[in-house]
Protein backbone atom coordinates (compact mmCIF):
# COMPACT_ATOMS: atom_id res chain seq x y z
CA MET A 1 26.48 -13.38 -31.08
CA ASP A 2 25.61 -9.22 -31.68
CA ARG A 3 22.83 -11.48 -34.51
CA MET A 4 21.56 -13.48 -31.59
CA ASN A 5 20.88 -10.63 -29.18
CA LYS A 6 19.63 -8.35 -32.05
CA SER A 7 17.19 -11.17 -33.12
CA LEU A 8 16.39 -11.51 -29.29
CA ARG A 9 15.57 -7.69 -28.78
CA ALA A 10 13.40 -7.37 -32.05
CA ALA A 11 11.23 -10.88 -31.35
CA LEU A 12 10.74 -10.03 -27.56
CA PRO A 13 8.28 -6.77 -27.78
CA LEU A 14 6.46 -9.19 -30.47
CA VAL A 15 6.42 -12.22 -29.46
CA LEU A 16 2.32 -12.14 -28.79
CA MET A 17 1.77 -9.95 -31.57
CA THR A 18 -1.08 -12.19 -33.14
CA GLY A 19 -4.42 -12.80 -32.52
CA LEU A 20 -3.75 -16.70 -33.36
CA PHE A 21 -2.23 -17.40 -30.13
CA VAL A 22 -4.87 -18.32 -27.32
CA ALA A 23 -3.31 -18.58 -23.73
CA GLN A 24 -4.82 -21.09 -21.35
CA ALA A 25 -5.53 -20.13 -17.31
CA PRO A 26 -3.09 -21.57 -14.89
CA ILE A 27 -3.95 -24.90 -13.71
CA ALA A 28 -0.99 -26.52 -12.47
CA TYR A 29 3.04 -26.77 -12.51
CA ALA A 30 5.26 -28.96 -12.24
CA HIS A 31 8.57 -29.22 -13.78
CA ASP A 32 11.85 -31.21 -15.40
CA PRO A 33 13.94 -31.42 -13.24
CA GLY A 34 11.22 -30.93 -10.55
CA ARG A 35 10.85 -27.58 -8.92
CA GLY A 36 10.02 -26.37 -5.25
CA GLY A 37 7.11 -23.99 -5.27
CA ASP A 38 4.89 -24.49 -8.27
CA ASN A 39 2.22 -26.15 -6.30
CA ARG A 40 0.11 -23.07 -6.30
CA ALA A 41 -2.51 -21.23 -8.38
CA THR A 42 0.18 -19.14 -10.07
CA SER A 43 3.77 -19.91 -11.37
CA GLY A 44 6.47 -17.94 -11.96
CA CYS A 45 6.90 -19.59 -15.51
CA GLY A 46 3.92 -17.86 -16.63
CA GLY A 47 0.15 -18.59 -17.38
CA GLY A 48 1.16 -20.30 -21.19
CA CYS A 49 3.14 -23.03 -19.32
CA HIS A 50 2.25 -26.37 -19.83
CA SER A 51 -0.79 -26.27 -22.22
CA GLY A 52 -2.23 -26.30 -25.60
CA ALA A 53 -2.59 -30.25 -25.77
CA THR A 54 -5.02 -32.00 -27.52
CA THR A 55 -5.97 -34.22 -24.74
CA THR A 56 -6.54 -33.47 -20.85
CA ALA A 57 -4.31 -34.66 -17.96
CA THR A 58 -6.01 -36.06 -14.94
CA VAL A 59 -4.55 -36.61 -11.76
CA ALA A 60 -5.71 -38.18 -8.28
CA PHE A 61 -4.54 -39.36 -4.42
CA GLY A 62 -4.87 -42.73 -3.36
CA THR A 63 -2.85 -45.41 -1.51
CA MET A 64 -2.27 -48.92 -3.03
CA GLY A 65 -5.05 -50.30 -2.42
CA GLY A 66 -7.03 -47.54 -3.30
CA ALA A 67 -8.88 -44.15 -2.28
CA VAL A 68 -7.13 -41.59 -0.10
CA PRO A 69 -8.37 -42.09 3.68
CA THR A 70 -10.48 -39.11 4.72
CA SER A 71 -9.45 -39.83 8.54
CA VAL A 72 -6.23 -41.03 9.88
CA ALA A 73 -4.36 -41.30 13.43
CA ALA A 74 -2.23 -38.16 14.86
CA ASN A 75 1.65 -39.39 14.10
CA SER A 76 0.71 -42.15 12.10
CA VAL A 77 2.83 -42.75 9.15
CA ASN A 78 0.76 -43.23 5.59
CA THR A 79 1.91 -44.32 2.17
CA LEU A 80 -0.21 -42.56 -0.58
CA THR A 81 -0.01 -42.09 -4.21
CA PHE A 82 -0.32 -39.49 -6.85
CA THR A 83 -1.39 -40.53 -10.55
CA VAL A 84 -1.37 -38.75 -13.61
CA SER A 85 -3.37 -40.10 -16.33
CA GLY A 86 -4.38 -38.94 -20.30
CA GLY A 87 -2.93 -35.86 -21.66
CA PRO A 88 -0.12 -36.30 -24.45
CA ALA A 89 1.20 -39.80 -22.25
CA VAL A 90 5.02 -39.64 -22.78
CA LYS A 91 6.46 -38.16 -19.54
CA ALA A 92 5.16 -36.76 -16.26
CA GLY A 93 6.06 -34.91 -13.16
CA LEU A 94 4.76 -34.25 -10.30
CA SER A 95 4.41 -31.67 -7.19
CA VAL A 96 2.70 -32.06 -3.94
CA THR A 97 2.74 -29.93 -0.71
CA ALA A 98 1.06 -30.85 2.91
CA SER A 99 -0.88 -28.11 4.98
CA GLY A 100 0.69 -30.20 8.17
CA GLY A 101 2.31 -33.60 8.87
CA THR A 102 5.84 -34.28 6.91
CA LEU A 103 6.02 -35.35 3.33
CA ALA A 104 8.83 -38.11 2.59
CA VAL A 105 10.33 -40.27 -0.69
CA THR A 106 9.84 -44.02 -1.51
CA GLY A 107 11.71 -44.05 -4.54
CA THR A 108 14.38 -42.24 -6.34
CA GLU A 109 11.31 -40.50 -8.88
CA SER A 110 10.92 -37.60 -6.71
CA THR A 111 12.68 -35.61 -3.37
CA ILE A 112 11.77 -33.11 -0.84
CA VAL A 113 12.39 -29.48 -1.54
CA THR A 114 14.72 -28.82 1.60
CA THR A 115 15.40 -24.96 1.55
CA GLY A 116 13.75 -22.00 1.12
CA ALA A 117 9.91 -20.90 1.36
CA ASN A 118 9.16 -24.30 -0.67
CA ALA A 119 10.93 -26.37 2.18
CA GLY A 120 8.62 -30.08 2.58
CA GLU A 121 7.57 -30.00 -1.03
CA LEU A 122 7.67 -32.95 -2.89
CA ILE A 123 8.53 -32.50 -6.39
CA HIS A 124 9.77 -35.21 -9.35
CA THR A 125 13.69 -35.55 -9.59
CA ALA A 126 13.07 -35.39 -13.78
CA ALA A 127 10.59 -36.40 -16.12
CA ALA A 128 9.19 -39.91 -15.41
CA ALA A 129 8.22 -42.64 -18.45
CA MET A 130 4.35 -42.81 -18.36
CA THR A 131 2.89 -46.35 -19.20
CA GLY A 132 -0.64 -47.01 -20.89
CA GLY A 133 -1.16 -43.47 -20.60
CA SER A 134 -0.39 -43.17 -16.79
CA LYS A 135 2.25 -42.84 -14.05
CA VAL A 136 1.89 -43.83 -10.76
CA TYR A 137 4.38 -42.27 -7.54
CA THR A 138 4.57 -43.30 -4.43
CA PHE A 139 5.17 -41.49 -1.41
CA THR A 140 4.70 -41.37 2.07
CA TRP A 141 2.85 -38.75 4.63
CA THR A 142 3.17 -38.51 8.14
CA ALA A 143 0.35 -37.13 10.12
CA PRO A 144 0.74 -34.01 12.44
CA ALA A 145 0.85 -34.71 16.53
CA THR A 146 -2.41 -32.81 17.09
CA ALA A 147 -6.08 -33.30 15.77
CA GLY A 148 -6.98 -31.04 13.15
CA THR A 149 -7.66 -31.16 9.43
CA VAL A 150 -4.91 -31.32 6.62
CA THR A 151 -5.18 -30.68 2.83
CA LEU A 152 -2.59 -32.09 0.11
CA THR A 153 -2.29 -30.29 -2.84
CA GLY A 154 -1.29 -32.10 -6.13
CA ALA A 155 0.01 -30.61 -8.90
CA GLY A 156 0.44 -33.05 -12.12
CA VAL A 157 1.56 -32.53 -15.95
CA SER A 158 1.42 -35.17 -18.71
CA SER A 159 4.30 -34.47 -21.80
CA ASN A 160 4.75 -34.85 -24.82
CA GLY A 161 8.54 -35.43 -24.32
CA ASN A 162 9.62 -33.00 -26.47
CA ASN A 163 11.38 -30.61 -23.46
CA ALA A 164 8.96 -27.55 -24.59
CA ASP A 165 6.12 -26.80 -22.17
CA THR A 166 3.61 -25.88 -25.32
CA LEU A 167 1.50 -28.87 -26.21
CA ASP A 168 1.49 -30.54 -23.00
CA SER A 169 -1.38 -31.04 -20.04
CA ALA A 170 -1.28 -29.99 -16.82
CA ALA A 171 -3.94 -30.77 -13.68
CA ARG A 172 -4.10 -30.18 -9.97
CA ILE A 173 -6.13 -31.64 -7.22
CA THR A 174 -6.77 -31.39 -3.42
CA ALA A 175 -7.61 -34.08 -0.88
CA THR A 176 -8.70 -33.08 2.89
CA ILE A 177 -7.48 -35.92 5.22
CA THR A 178 -8.79 -35.46 9.43
CA VAL A 179 -6.66 -36.10 12.26
CA THR A 180 -7.72 -37.71 15.17
CA GLY A 181 -6.20 -38.24 18.18
CA GLY A 182 -3.10 -36.43 19.45
CA ALA A 183 -2.06 -33.87 22.36
CA ALA A 184 -4.65 -31.12 22.19
CA VAL A 185 -3.30 -27.96 21.37
CA PRO A 186 -3.88 -25.02 24.06
CA VAL A 187 -5.24 -21.34 23.07
CA VAL A 188 -2.70 -18.54 23.91
CA PRO A 189 -4.12 -14.99 23.96
CA LEU A 190 -2.07 -12.55 21.95
CA PHE A 191 -2.76 -9.26 20.64
CA THR A 192 -1.34 -6.24 19.49
CA GLY A 193 -2.76 -2.39 19.79
CA PRO A 194 -1.19 0.90 20.66
CA THR A 195 -0.63 2.01 24.40
CA THR A 196 -1.56 5.26 24.51
CA GLY A 197 -3.97 7.49 22.79
CA THR A 198 -6.54 10.30 23.10
CA ILE A 199 -10.04 11.47 24.06
CA GLY A 200 -12.23 10.41 21.09
CA VAL A 201 -9.71 9.17 18.76
CA PRO A 202 -10.53 5.52 17.79
CA VAL A 203 -8.18 2.69 18.93
CA THR A 204 -8.12 -0.87 17.42
CA PHE A 205 -6.78 -3.69 18.53
CA ASP A 206 -5.76 -7.18 16.91
CA SER A 207 -5.89 -10.67 18.04
CA SER A 208 -4.64 -12.32 14.79
CA SER A 209 -1.42 -12.91 16.63
CA SER A 210 -3.41 -15.52 18.94
CA THR A 211 -2.42 -19.27 18.20
CA GLY A 212 -4.72 -22.68 19.39
CA THR A 213 -8.26 -23.35 17.95
CA ILE A 214 -10.14 -20.52 19.35
CA ALA A 215 -13.81 -20.27 19.38
CA THR A 216 -14.73 -17.45 20.43
CA ARG A 217 -12.55 -13.90 21.87
CA ASN A 218 -13.88 -11.55 23.71
CA TRP A 219 -13.05 -7.76 24.39
CA ASN A 220 -13.23 -5.58 27.59
CA PHE A 221 -11.48 -2.12 26.64
CA GLY A 222 -11.43 -1.07 30.53
CA ASP A 223 -13.41 1.82 30.21
CA THR A 224 -17.12 0.94 31.20
CA ALA A 225 -18.83 -1.66 33.93
CA ASN A 226 -21.31 -3.98 32.33
CA THR A 227 -23.07 -7.39 33.32
CA THR A 228 -21.44 -9.42 30.96
CA GLY A 229 -17.50 -7.79 30.93
CA VAL A 230 -17.74 -7.82 27.15
CA ASP A 231 -17.48 -4.89 25.19
CA ALA A 232 -16.93 -6.12 21.25
CA THR A 233 -16.01 -9.55 20.39
CA GLY A 234 -14.11 -10.60 17.22
CA THR A 235 -10.20 -10.83 15.36
CA THR A 236 -10.30 -6.91 15.81
CA ALA A 237 -11.79 -4.32 18.10
CA THR A 238 -12.31 -0.89 17.94
CA HIS A 239 -13.04 1.75 20.30
CA SER A 240 -13.22 5.41 21.70
CA TYR A 241 -12.70 6.73 25.16
CA ALA A 242 -14.34 9.41 26.42
CA THR A 243 -12.10 10.25 29.55
CA ALA A 244 -8.75 10.33 29.95
CA GLY A 245 -6.63 7.94 32.46
CA THR A 246 -5.03 4.07 32.12
CA PHE A 247 -7.37 1.86 31.25
CA PRO A 248 -6.63 -2.25 31.04
CA VAL A 249 -7.70 -3.55 27.72
CA LYS A 250 -8.33 -7.88 28.08
CA LEU A 251 -8.76 -9.97 25.69
CA THR A 252 -10.19 -13.68 26.43
CA VAL A 253 -9.98 -16.17 24.28
CA ILE A 254 -11.90 -19.41 24.45
CA ASP A 255 -11.66 -22.55 22.70
CA GLY A 256 -14.13 -25.56 21.59
CA ALA A 257 -14.17 -26.96 24.87
CA GLY A 258 -14.86 -23.91 26.83
CA VAL A 259 -11.24 -23.64 28.21
CA SER A 260 -10.72 -19.15 28.45
CA THR A 261 -7.53 -17.82 28.61
CA SER A 262 -7.25 -14.16 29.00
CA LYS A 263 -3.95 -11.66 28.44
CA THR A 264 -4.17 -7.87 30.22
CA GLN A 265 -2.56 -4.67 28.58
CA ASN A 266 -2.98 -0.91 29.89
CA ILE A 267 -3.14 1.87 27.16
CA VAL A 268 -2.58 5.29 28.58
CA ILE A 269 -5.52 7.91 27.19
CA SER A 270 -4.67 11.62 27.01
CA ALA A 271 -6.71 14.75 27.45
CA VAL A 272 -6.40 16.89 23.70
CA GLY A 273 -7.73 20.43 22.52
CA THR A 274 -11.01 20.84 21.01
CA HIS A 275 -11.93 19.04 17.75
CA VAL A 276 -11.81 20.51 14.41
CA ALA A 277 -13.55 20.22 11.37
CA PRO A 278 -11.09 18.62 8.79
CA VAL A 279 -9.55 21.04 6.08
CA ALA A 280 -10.15 19.68 2.80
CA ASN A 281 -7.96 20.21 -0.43
CA ALA A 282 -8.92 18.61 -4.07
CA GLY A 283 -5.78 19.86 -5.85
CA GLY A 284 -6.50 21.15 -9.18
CA PRO A 285 -7.91 22.46 -11.63
CA TYR A 286 -7.28 19.78 -14.10
CA MET A 287 -7.47 19.10 -17.42
CA GLY A 288 -7.73 16.33 -19.41
CA SER A 289 -9.53 14.60 -22.76
CA VAL A 290 -12.26 13.16 -22.97
CA GLY A 291 -12.09 9.16 -22.42
CA THR A 292 -8.55 9.27 -20.99
CA ALA A 293 -8.77 9.12 -17.18
CA VAL A 294 -7.79 12.06 -15.01
CA ALA A 295 -5.88 11.75 -12.10
CA PHE A 296 -7.16 13.74 -8.65
CA ASN A 297 -5.33 14.38 -5.63
CA GLY A 298 -6.03 15.36 -2.19
CA SER A 299 -3.67 14.24 -0.11
CA ALA A 300 -2.63 17.97 1.12
CA SER A 301 -6.14 17.63 2.96
CA THR A 302 -5.46 17.76 6.53
CA VAL A 303 -7.63 16.32 10.26
CA SER A 304 -6.65 17.14 13.67
CA ASN A 305 -5.73 15.59 16.80
CA GLY A 306 -4.61 12.16 15.12
CA LEU A 307 -7.38 11.46 13.05
CA THR A 308 -7.95 9.70 9.90
CA ALA A 309 -10.61 10.57 7.24
CA THR A 310 -12.38 9.80 4.03
CA TYR A 311 -12.47 11.06 1.11
CA SER A 312 -15.80 11.37 -1.04
CA TRP A 313 -15.28 13.07 -4.66
CA ASP A 314 -18.40 14.34 -7.02
CA PHE A 315 -16.89 14.98 -10.36
CA GLY A 316 -19.59 17.06 -11.78
CA ASP A 317 -20.56 15.12 -14.53
CA ALA A 318 -23.53 13.19 -12.32
CA SER A 319 -21.25 9.89 -11.81
CA THR A 320 -20.18 7.53 -9.51
CA ALA A 321 -18.93 9.25 -6.27
CA GLY A 322 -15.05 8.42 -6.29
CA THR A 323 -13.51 7.76 -3.33
CA GLY A 324 -10.01 7.79 -1.80
CA VAL A 325 -7.13 9.87 -1.60
CA ARG A 326 -6.37 9.71 -5.15
CA PRO A 327 -8.55 8.69 -7.24
CA SER A 328 -9.12 8.74 -11.67
CA HIS A 329 -12.02 9.62 -13.39
CA THR A 330 -12.92 9.08 -16.69
CA TYR A 331 -15.32 11.61 -18.51
CA THR A 332 -17.56 11.59 -21.39
CA ALA A 333 -17.82 14.64 -22.45
CA ALA A 334 -16.08 17.68 -23.03
CA GLY A 335 -16.40 20.80 -20.88
CA THR A 336 -15.62 22.60 -17.43
CA PHE A 337 -16.81 20.32 -14.70
CA THR A 338 -16.89 21.77 -10.70
CA VAL A 339 -15.44 18.96 -8.63
CA LYS A 340 -15.65 18.96 -5.13
CA LEU A 341 -14.06 17.46 -2.77
CA THR A 342 -15.54 16.29 0.98
CA VAL A 343 -13.53 15.11 3.99
CA THR A 344 -14.74 13.04 7.05
CA ASP A 345 -13.45 12.77 9.77
CA ASN A 346 -13.56 9.37 12.14
CA GLY A 347 -13.84 11.47 15.30
CA THR A 348 -16.55 10.19 17.93
CA THR A 349 -18.95 13.09 16.64
CA PRO A 350 -16.84 12.88 13.01
CA LEU A 351 -16.35 16.63 11.29
CA SER A 352 -16.70 17.03 7.33
CA ASN A 353 -15.25 19.92 5.06
CA ALA A 354 -16.03 20.32 1.58
CA VAL A 355 -13.93 22.61 -1.36
CA THR A 356 -14.25 22.70 -5.19
CA THR A 357 -11.91 22.78 -7.92
CA THR A 358 -12.39 22.38 -11.61
CA ALA A 359 -11.61 19.50 -14.59
CA VAL A 360 -11.50 21.55 -17.84
CA ILE A 361 -12.26 18.59 -20.36
CA THR A 362 -11.18 19.13 -24.21
CA ALA A 363 -12.51 16.49 -26.60
CA ALA A 364 -10.55 13.47 -27.35
CA THR A 365 -7.96 13.74 -30.02
CA THR A 366 -7.60 10.91 -32.50
CA PRO A 367 -4.20 9.19 -32.53
CA PRO A 368 -2.84 9.43 -35.96
CA SER A 369 -5.18 7.01 -37.13
CA GLY A 370 -7.10 7.71 -40.75
CA THR A 371 -4.60 5.32 -41.09
CA VAL A 372 -4.24 2.15 -42.25
CA GLY A 373 -1.42 0.92 -39.43
CA HIS A 374 -3.71 1.94 -36.38
CA ALA A 375 -6.40 -0.50 -38.26
CA LEU A 376 -3.77 -3.10 -39.03
CA TYR A 377 -2.33 -3.11 -35.23
CA ASP A 378 -6.07 -3.43 -33.55
CA SER A 379 -6.79 -5.75 -35.76
CA LYS A 380 -3.67 -8.16 -36.17
CA CYS A 381 -1.55 -7.16 -32.64
CA ALA A 382 -4.23 -5.83 -30.21
CA SER A 383 -5.97 -9.15 -28.87
CA CYS A 384 -2.20 -9.90 -27.34
CA HIS A 385 -0.48 -6.60 -26.58
CA GLY A 386 -3.18 -3.99 -26.11
CA PRO A 387 -3.91 -0.62 -27.27
CA ALA A 388 -0.62 0.93 -28.27
CA ILE A 389 -1.40 4.24 -26.42
CA ARG A 390 -1.41 2.82 -22.55
CA THR A 391 -2.44 4.70 -19.61
CA ALA A 392 -1.93 3.58 -15.52
CA THR A 393 -5.29 2.34 -16.12
CA THR A 394 -4.65 -0.01 -18.96
CA THR A 395 -5.11 -3.69 -17.66
CA SER A 396 -4.60 -5.41 -20.55
CA LYS A 397 -0.90 -7.33 -21.44
CA ALA A 398 1.83 -4.93 -21.15
CA SER A 399 2.40 -3.14 -25.14
CA GLY A 400 6.55 -2.37 -25.20
CA VAL A 401 5.74 -2.68 -28.84
CA VAL A 402 5.95 1.43 -29.45
CA GLY A 403 8.93 2.38 -31.79
CA ALA A 404 9.07 -1.07 -33.65
CA SER A 405 10.58 -0.96 -36.67
CA VAL A 406 9.48 -2.38 -40.04
CA GLU A 407 12.68 -4.48 -39.35
CA ASP A 408 11.68 -5.67 -36.59
CA ILE A 409 8.11 -6.69 -37.09
CA ASP A 410 9.98 -8.71 -39.91
CA GLU A 411 12.50 -10.45 -38.10
CA ALA A 412 10.09 -11.55 -35.35
CA ILE A 413 7.89 -12.93 -37.89
CA ARG A 414 10.80 -14.82 -39.56
CA GLU A 415 11.96 -15.94 -35.98
CA VAL A 416 9.13 -15.81 -33.60
CA THR A 417 7.24 -19.09 -33.86
CA ASP A 418 3.79 -17.69 -32.55
CA MET A 419 4.15 -14.97 -34.84
CA GLN A 420 5.08 -17.07 -38.09
CA SER A 421 0.98 -16.84 -38.99
CA LEU A 422 1.45 -13.14 -39.74
CA GLN A 423 4.16 -14.09 -42.71
CA SER A 424 1.32 -13.59 -45.32
CA LEU A 425 0.92 -9.81 -44.02
CA PRO A 426 1.75 -7.91 -47.27
CA ALA A 427 5.16 -5.47 -46.56
CA ALA A 428 3.12 -1.92 -47.05
CA ASP A 429 1.03 -3.57 -44.22
CA ARG A 430 4.00 -3.94 -41.91
CA SER A 431 5.78 -0.77 -42.91
CA ALA A 432 2.14 1.01 -41.65
CA ILE A 433 1.88 -1.03 -38.64
CA ALA A 434 5.39 0.41 -37.77
CA ALA A 435 4.71 3.66 -39.11
CA TYR A 436 1.64 3.64 -36.59
CA LEU A 437 3.85 2.70 -33.29
CA ASN A 438 6.36 5.43 -34.28
CA SER A 439 3.95 8.50 -34.54
CA LEU A 440 2.30 7.90 -30.90
CA GLY A 441 4.91 10.59 -28.91
CA GLU A 442 1.94 13.22 -28.70
CA PRO A 443 -1.12 10.94 -28.13
CA LEU A 444 1.09 8.95 -25.35
CA TYR A 445 2.37 12.25 -23.98
CA LYS A 446 -1.68 13.42 -23.67
CA ALA A 447 -2.67 10.35 -22.24
CA ASN A 448 -0.38 10.44 -19.71
CA CYS A 449 0.80 13.64 -19.10
CA GLU A 450 -1.03 16.10 -19.75
CA SER A 451 -3.65 16.72 -17.51
CA CYS A 452 -0.83 18.02 -14.74
CA HIS A 453 1.77 19.59 -17.79
CA GLY A 454 -0.63 21.10 -20.00
CA PRO A 455 -1.30 20.29 -23.86
CA GLY A 456 1.98 20.37 -25.42
CA GLY A 457 3.53 20.34 -22.55
CA THR A 458 3.42 23.84 -22.17
CA GLY A 459 2.46 24.04 -18.21
CA GLY A 460 -0.70 23.21 -16.26
CA LYS A 461 -0.72 22.71 -12.57
CA GLU A 462 2.67 21.23 -12.91
CA PRO A 463 5.29 23.52 -15.07
CA ALA A 464 6.19 22.91 -18.78
CA VAL A 465 8.21 19.72 -20.32
CA ILE A 466 8.80 20.96 -23.47
CA GLY A 467 12.06 19.70 -24.48
CA ALA A 468 12.32 16.93 -21.91
CA SER A 469 14.88 14.14 -22.23
CA GLU A 470 13.88 10.67 -22.35
CA GLU A 471 16.82 10.66 -19.54
CA LYS A 472 14.80 13.45 -17.30
CA ILE A 473 11.51 11.47 -17.71
CA LYS A 474 12.55 8.42 -16.81
CA LYS A 475 14.80 9.95 -13.81
CA ALA A 476 11.16 11.94 -12.53
CA ILE A 477 9.12 8.75 -12.95
CA ASN A 478 11.53 6.93 -10.72
CA THR A 479 12.08 9.80 -7.86
CA GLU A 480 9.00 12.20 -8.27
CA PRO A 481 5.89 10.93 -6.00
CA GLU A 482 3.26 11.69 -7.99
CA MET A 483 5.07 10.46 -11.11
CA ALA A 484 5.28 6.71 -9.59
CA SER A 485 2.14 5.72 -10.91
CA LEU A 486 3.71 6.00 -14.20
CA LYS A 487 6.44 3.49 -13.94
CA PHE A 488 4.77 1.04 -15.90
CA LEU A 489 5.73 3.10 -18.72
CA LEU A 490 9.19 2.78 -18.18
CA THR A 491 8.73 -1.42 -19.48
CA GLN A 492 6.60 -0.19 -22.72
CA GLY A 493 8.97 -0.44 -25.11
CA ASP A 494 10.25 2.89 -26.77
CA THR A 495 7.55 4.68 -25.15
CA ILE A 496 9.60 7.37 -22.87
CA GLU A 497 11.58 8.07 -26.06
CA ALA A 498 8.75 8.86 -28.13
CA ILE A 499 7.38 11.46 -25.70
CA ALA A 500 10.61 12.77 -25.53
CA LYS A 501 10.78 12.93 -29.39
CA PHE A 502 7.53 14.61 -29.26
CA LEU A 503 8.57 17.65 -26.48
CA LYS A 504 11.53 18.02 -28.25
CA ARG A 505 9.66 18.68 -31.43
CA LYS A 506 7.09 20.27 -29.98
CA GLY A 507 9.54 23.08 -28.33
CA SER A 508 11.10 23.22 -32.19
CA GLY A 509 7.84 23.61 -33.64
CA LEU A 510 7.86 20.50 -35.53
CA ASP A 511 4.87 18.07 -35.01
CA ASP A 512 5.47 14.24 -33.59
CA SER A 513 6.40 12.76 -37.60
CA GLY A 514 9.09 15.83 -37.50
CA SER A 515 6.91 17.76 -40.29
CA SER A 516 6.19 21.62 -39.50
CA SER A 517 3.35 21.95 -37.00
CA THR A 518 1.73 24.04 -39.31
CA GLY A 519 1.30 21.20 -42.00
CA ALA A 520 0.29 18.41 -39.65
CA GLY A 521 -2.06 15.76 -41.02
CA ALA A 522 -2.91 12.49 -41.82
CA LEU A 523 0.21 9.78 -41.39
CA ASP A 524 0.95 9.83 -45.06
CA TRP A 525 4.19 8.28 -47.34
CA LEU A 526 5.88 11.50 -46.61
CA SER A 527 5.48 10.76 -42.87
CA LEU A 528 6.19 7.05 -43.84
CA ILE A 529 10.04 8.40 -44.93
CA GLY A 530 10.01 10.04 -41.66
CA VAL A 531 9.59 6.78 -39.72
CA GLY A 532 11.89 4.92 -42.16
CA ALA A 533 15.05 7.34 -40.99
CA TRP A 534 13.83 7.79 -37.01
CA SER A 535 13.26 3.36 -37.67
CA LEU A 536 17.27 3.09 -39.36
CA SER A 537 18.90 4.95 -36.18
CA ARG A 538 17.39 2.83 -33.51
CA ARG A 539 19.00 -0.14 -35.35
CA ARG A 540 22.17 1.58 -35.26
CA LYS A 541 21.34 2.10 -31.72
CA LYS A 542 21.37 -1.48 -31.04
């Protein structure tokens, strides 16, 4: 059992470490036995489910006599079919949902989900044999009691019958049916919004909770007299009151036949003091390096009288202005840049305030490359795992391979199907990749921590962190609001451990490989020995 657990731990971080594996975009999902909720654009089983077949499956709605009807009567019971064709054509499965009405089974090959968020979904009970390249399922759909439009959505899978998701084919289709007749649905006006406010401060009302088929939504804010009685239209409406008092806010909803219904709710507006300009606070000074995103923070800015604010950032390098309280920006050149934050409130007459700070950007440092390991990782692994040095702005797949040892890589290549294409990779190349993955403490620190804590953890706008342990770093990420953006690192293999080792060695005068900082250089055979020792200790920990 211990051997099995160790194999799984080694395989999981590197399961996608091959450029030959191509993940297909999810199309549809249906499982054996059927599982509710799979008939949707994404699935809990991941984008690689039911993919890789050399031939493509097709699916279609219909009836025993032909095409699916485009129009049915309210409350009618309709027998429909769902056909899965093509693909491997050994076994089939389905999943069907309806935006209105009720689905029911006609035999033992399918069932209805009865509980949870997917209640009412039609799914298969077991994979069914396909005959002549297709499988036809039958079911009934009872139309709703009111007129309207219903969308049926079906997902089907044609499998090779080997009880695995790969080398199968999936497809998804929708059918729109118009329901005629039935009882008219009355419109009910409902809206939410504040019951108190202050002069000059905008308030917003929202009528999205109203029910029925609504053609028009009219608003009257109760503080002006006009000939139409309509101050605004739309699902939401925003208004600033110029005087104090109690005002009746009225929403009128009108259906397609012109029938209108109204709801009124009072709002009490109070006088306020003098409208003062915001106080902008850009934080900083900031530090970073070329090519690495710098996180800015204007959350210490304030506005008066309950107003809200917009934020505009000039990063000082002639780039496009940033927006929001906490933007990030990547500089393309080294230097000291004047960063300007302008905060503007949303008062009836908006007021603004601007303040400046600095961003000191140093030349990019090359991570322990020069090394065969870095180049090999980029060519053999990065297409699936993404860059080994990751930041909060990285959008590719999670890596989780930092700290992988030679033994981890060898074991994964032997036991993980998707990695067996790397069996011909020379042992020296595998060692070089492992050495690179175990020498990333400093560049990972620079990419994710240096902008706040300074170079090498010596302190910047935040205190020094030299010697911080792995446990202390994880606790700070989980508890400190300013570090919440780094939570993704907690899932990145031994990333936190690597950063902690760098900070410990920095405090003891050693570089990230454990050598004297006075003799640090490109990865060579001496650092490989150090990495081997680290790898051995990691495996013993398991």
